[in-house]
N, C-alpha and C. Protein backbone atom coordinates (compact mmCIF):
# COMPACT_ATOMS: atom_id res chain seq x y z
N MET A 1 -40.30 -36.08 -71.81
CA MET A 1 -38.87 -36.01 -71.64
C MET A 1 -38.36 -37.44 -71.46
N THR A 2 -37.36 -37.78 -72.23
CA THR A 2 -36.76 -39.11 -72.08
C THR A 2 -35.50 -39.01 -71.25
N TRP A 3 -35.20 -40.10 -70.55
CA TRP A 3 -34.02 -40.13 -69.72
C TRP A 3 -33.54 -41.57 -69.59
N LYS A 4 -32.32 -41.74 -69.12
CA LYS A 4 -31.80 -43.07 -68.83
C LYS A 4 -30.88 -42.97 -67.62
N ALA A 5 -30.83 -44.03 -66.84
CA ALA A 5 -29.97 -44.09 -65.66
C ALA A 5 -28.89 -45.14 -65.90
N LYS A 6 -27.72 -44.88 -65.35
CA LYS A 6 -26.58 -45.76 -65.59
C LYS A 6 -25.68 -45.74 -64.36
N MET A 7 -25.16 -46.90 -63.98
CA MET A 7 -24.19 -46.97 -62.88
C MET A 7 -22.83 -46.51 -63.40
N ILE A 8 -22.18 -45.62 -62.66
CA ILE A 8 -20.84 -45.16 -63.03
C ILE A 8 -19.95 -45.20 -61.80
N ILE A 9 -18.67 -45.08 -62.01
CA ILE A 9 -17.73 -44.93 -60.91
C ILE A 9 -17.14 -43.53 -61.02
N HIS A 10 -17.33 -42.74 -59.97
CA HIS A 10 -16.83 -41.36 -59.94
C HIS A 10 -16.03 -41.19 -58.66
N LYS A 11 -14.78 -40.82 -58.81
CA LYS A 11 -13.86 -40.66 -57.68
C LYS A 11 -13.84 -41.93 -56.82
N LYS A 12 -13.76 -43.07 -57.50
CA LYS A 12 -13.67 -44.39 -56.88
C LYS A 12 -14.92 -44.78 -56.08
N GLU A 13 -16.04 -44.12 -56.34
CA GLU A 13 -17.30 -44.47 -55.68
C GLU A 13 -18.34 -44.80 -56.74
N LYS A 14 -19.17 -45.81 -56.45
CA LYS A 14 -20.26 -46.13 -57.36
C LYS A 14 -21.36 -45.09 -57.19
N ARG A 15 -21.85 -44.61 -58.32
CA ARG A 15 -22.92 -43.61 -58.32
C ARG A 15 -23.90 -43.92 -59.43
N ILE A 16 -25.05 -43.30 -59.36
CA ILE A 16 -26.04 -43.43 -60.42
C ILE A 16 -26.05 -42.13 -61.20
N ALA A 17 -25.80 -42.23 -62.50
CA ALA A 17 -25.85 -41.07 -63.38
C ALA A 17 -27.19 -41.10 -64.10
N VAL A 18 -27.84 -39.95 -64.20
CA VAL A 18 -29.09 -39.84 -64.92
C VAL A 18 -28.87 -38.91 -66.10
N TYR A 19 -29.13 -39.39 -67.29
CA TYR A 19 -28.94 -38.63 -68.52
C TYR A 19 -30.30 -38.26 -69.09
N PHE A 20 -30.47 -36.99 -69.43
CA PHE A 20 -31.70 -36.50 -70.02
C PHE A 20 -31.46 -36.12 -71.47
N GLU A 21 -32.53 -36.12 -72.26
CA GLU A 21 -32.41 -35.68 -73.65
C GLU A 21 -31.97 -34.22 -73.68
N LYS A 22 -31.27 -33.84 -74.70
CA LYS A 22 -30.81 -32.47 -74.84
C LYS A 22 -31.96 -31.61 -75.33
N ASN A 23 -32.36 -30.65 -74.52
CA ASN A 23 -33.48 -29.78 -74.84
C ASN A 23 -33.03 -28.35 -74.56
N ALA A 24 -32.82 -27.58 -75.60
CA ALA A 24 -32.26 -26.22 -75.46
C ALA A 24 -33.14 -25.35 -74.57
N GLU A 25 -34.46 -25.46 -74.69
CA GLU A 25 -35.35 -24.63 -73.88
C GLU A 25 -35.22 -24.98 -72.40
N LEU A 26 -35.17 -26.27 -72.08
CA LEU A 26 -35.04 -26.69 -70.69
C LEU A 26 -33.69 -26.26 -70.11
N ILE A 27 -32.62 -26.39 -70.89
CA ILE A 27 -31.28 -25.98 -70.44
C ILE A 27 -31.27 -24.48 -70.14
N ALA A 28 -31.89 -23.68 -71.00
CA ALA A 28 -31.94 -22.23 -70.79
C ALA A 28 -32.70 -21.90 -69.51
N ARG A 29 -33.81 -22.61 -69.25
CA ARG A 29 -34.57 -22.36 -68.02
C ARG A 29 -33.76 -22.71 -66.78
N LYS A 30 -33.01 -23.82 -66.83
CA LYS A 30 -32.17 -24.22 -65.69
C LYS A 30 -31.06 -23.21 -65.44
N LYS A 31 -30.42 -22.73 -66.50
CA LYS A 31 -29.35 -21.73 -66.35
C LYS A 31 -29.91 -20.44 -65.75
N LYS A 32 -31.08 -20.03 -66.20
CA LYS A 32 -31.70 -18.81 -65.68
C LYS A 32 -32.02 -18.97 -64.20
N ALA A 33 -32.57 -20.11 -63.82
CA ALA A 33 -32.90 -20.38 -62.42
C ALA A 33 -31.63 -20.40 -61.57
N TYR A 34 -30.54 -20.99 -62.08
CA TYR A 34 -29.29 -21.06 -61.34
C TYR A 34 -28.71 -19.66 -61.14
N ARG A 35 -28.71 -18.85 -62.21
CA ARG A 35 -28.18 -17.48 -62.08
C ARG A 35 -28.99 -16.69 -61.06
N PHE A 36 -30.31 -16.84 -61.08
CA PHE A 36 -31.16 -16.13 -60.13
C PHE A 36 -30.83 -16.57 -58.71
N SER A 37 -30.62 -17.87 -58.51
CA SER A 37 -30.31 -18.40 -57.19
C SER A 37 -28.98 -17.85 -56.68
N VAL A 38 -27.97 -17.83 -57.53
CA VAL A 38 -26.65 -17.33 -57.13
C VAL A 38 -26.73 -15.84 -56.81
N GLU A 39 -27.42 -15.07 -57.65
CA GLU A 39 -27.54 -13.63 -57.41
C GLU A 39 -28.32 -13.37 -56.13
N SER A 40 -29.33 -14.15 -55.84
CA SER A 40 -30.13 -13.96 -54.63
C SER A 40 -29.30 -14.24 -53.38
N ASN A 41 -28.48 -15.29 -53.45
CA ASN A 41 -27.71 -15.69 -52.27
C ASN A 41 -26.45 -14.88 -52.07
N PHE A 42 -25.82 -14.44 -53.15
CA PHE A 42 -24.52 -13.80 -53.04
C PHE A 42 -24.48 -12.40 -53.63
N GLY A 43 -25.62 -11.84 -53.97
CA GLY A 43 -25.65 -10.52 -54.60
C GLY A 43 -24.99 -9.45 -53.77
N SER A 44 -25.21 -9.46 -52.44
CA SER A 44 -24.62 -8.43 -51.60
C SER A 44 -23.11 -8.60 -51.48
N LEU A 45 -22.63 -9.83 -51.59
CA LEU A 45 -21.19 -10.07 -51.52
C LEU A 45 -20.50 -9.66 -52.82
N ALA A 46 -21.22 -9.80 -53.92
CA ALA A 46 -20.62 -9.50 -55.22
C ALA A 46 -20.56 -8.01 -55.51
N SER A 47 -21.40 -7.23 -54.84
CA SER A 47 -21.44 -5.79 -55.09
C SER A 47 -20.44 -5.06 -54.21
N PRO A 48 -19.46 -4.40 -54.78
CA PRO A 48 -18.48 -3.68 -53.96
C PRO A 48 -19.14 -2.49 -53.23
N GLY A 49 -18.66 -2.25 -52.04
CA GLY A 49 -19.16 -1.10 -51.28
C GLY A 49 -20.33 -1.43 -50.36
N HIS A 50 -20.83 -2.66 -50.41
CA HIS A 50 -21.94 -3.05 -49.52
C HIS A 50 -21.40 -3.91 -48.41
N SER A 51 -21.91 -3.70 -47.20
CA SER A 51 -21.45 -4.53 -46.09
C SER A 51 -22.60 -5.27 -45.47
């Protein structure tokens, strides 16, 4: 995996941005992991009728 780091200014603060190569398989895995995390943490809140 290739990547590059670059100094940027975001909301008037200096930050380090890290850019990775575009990899469809890796992006899909990250999205799946994120959805699982959100459902695990907020699943009971999202389901109506559960307290």
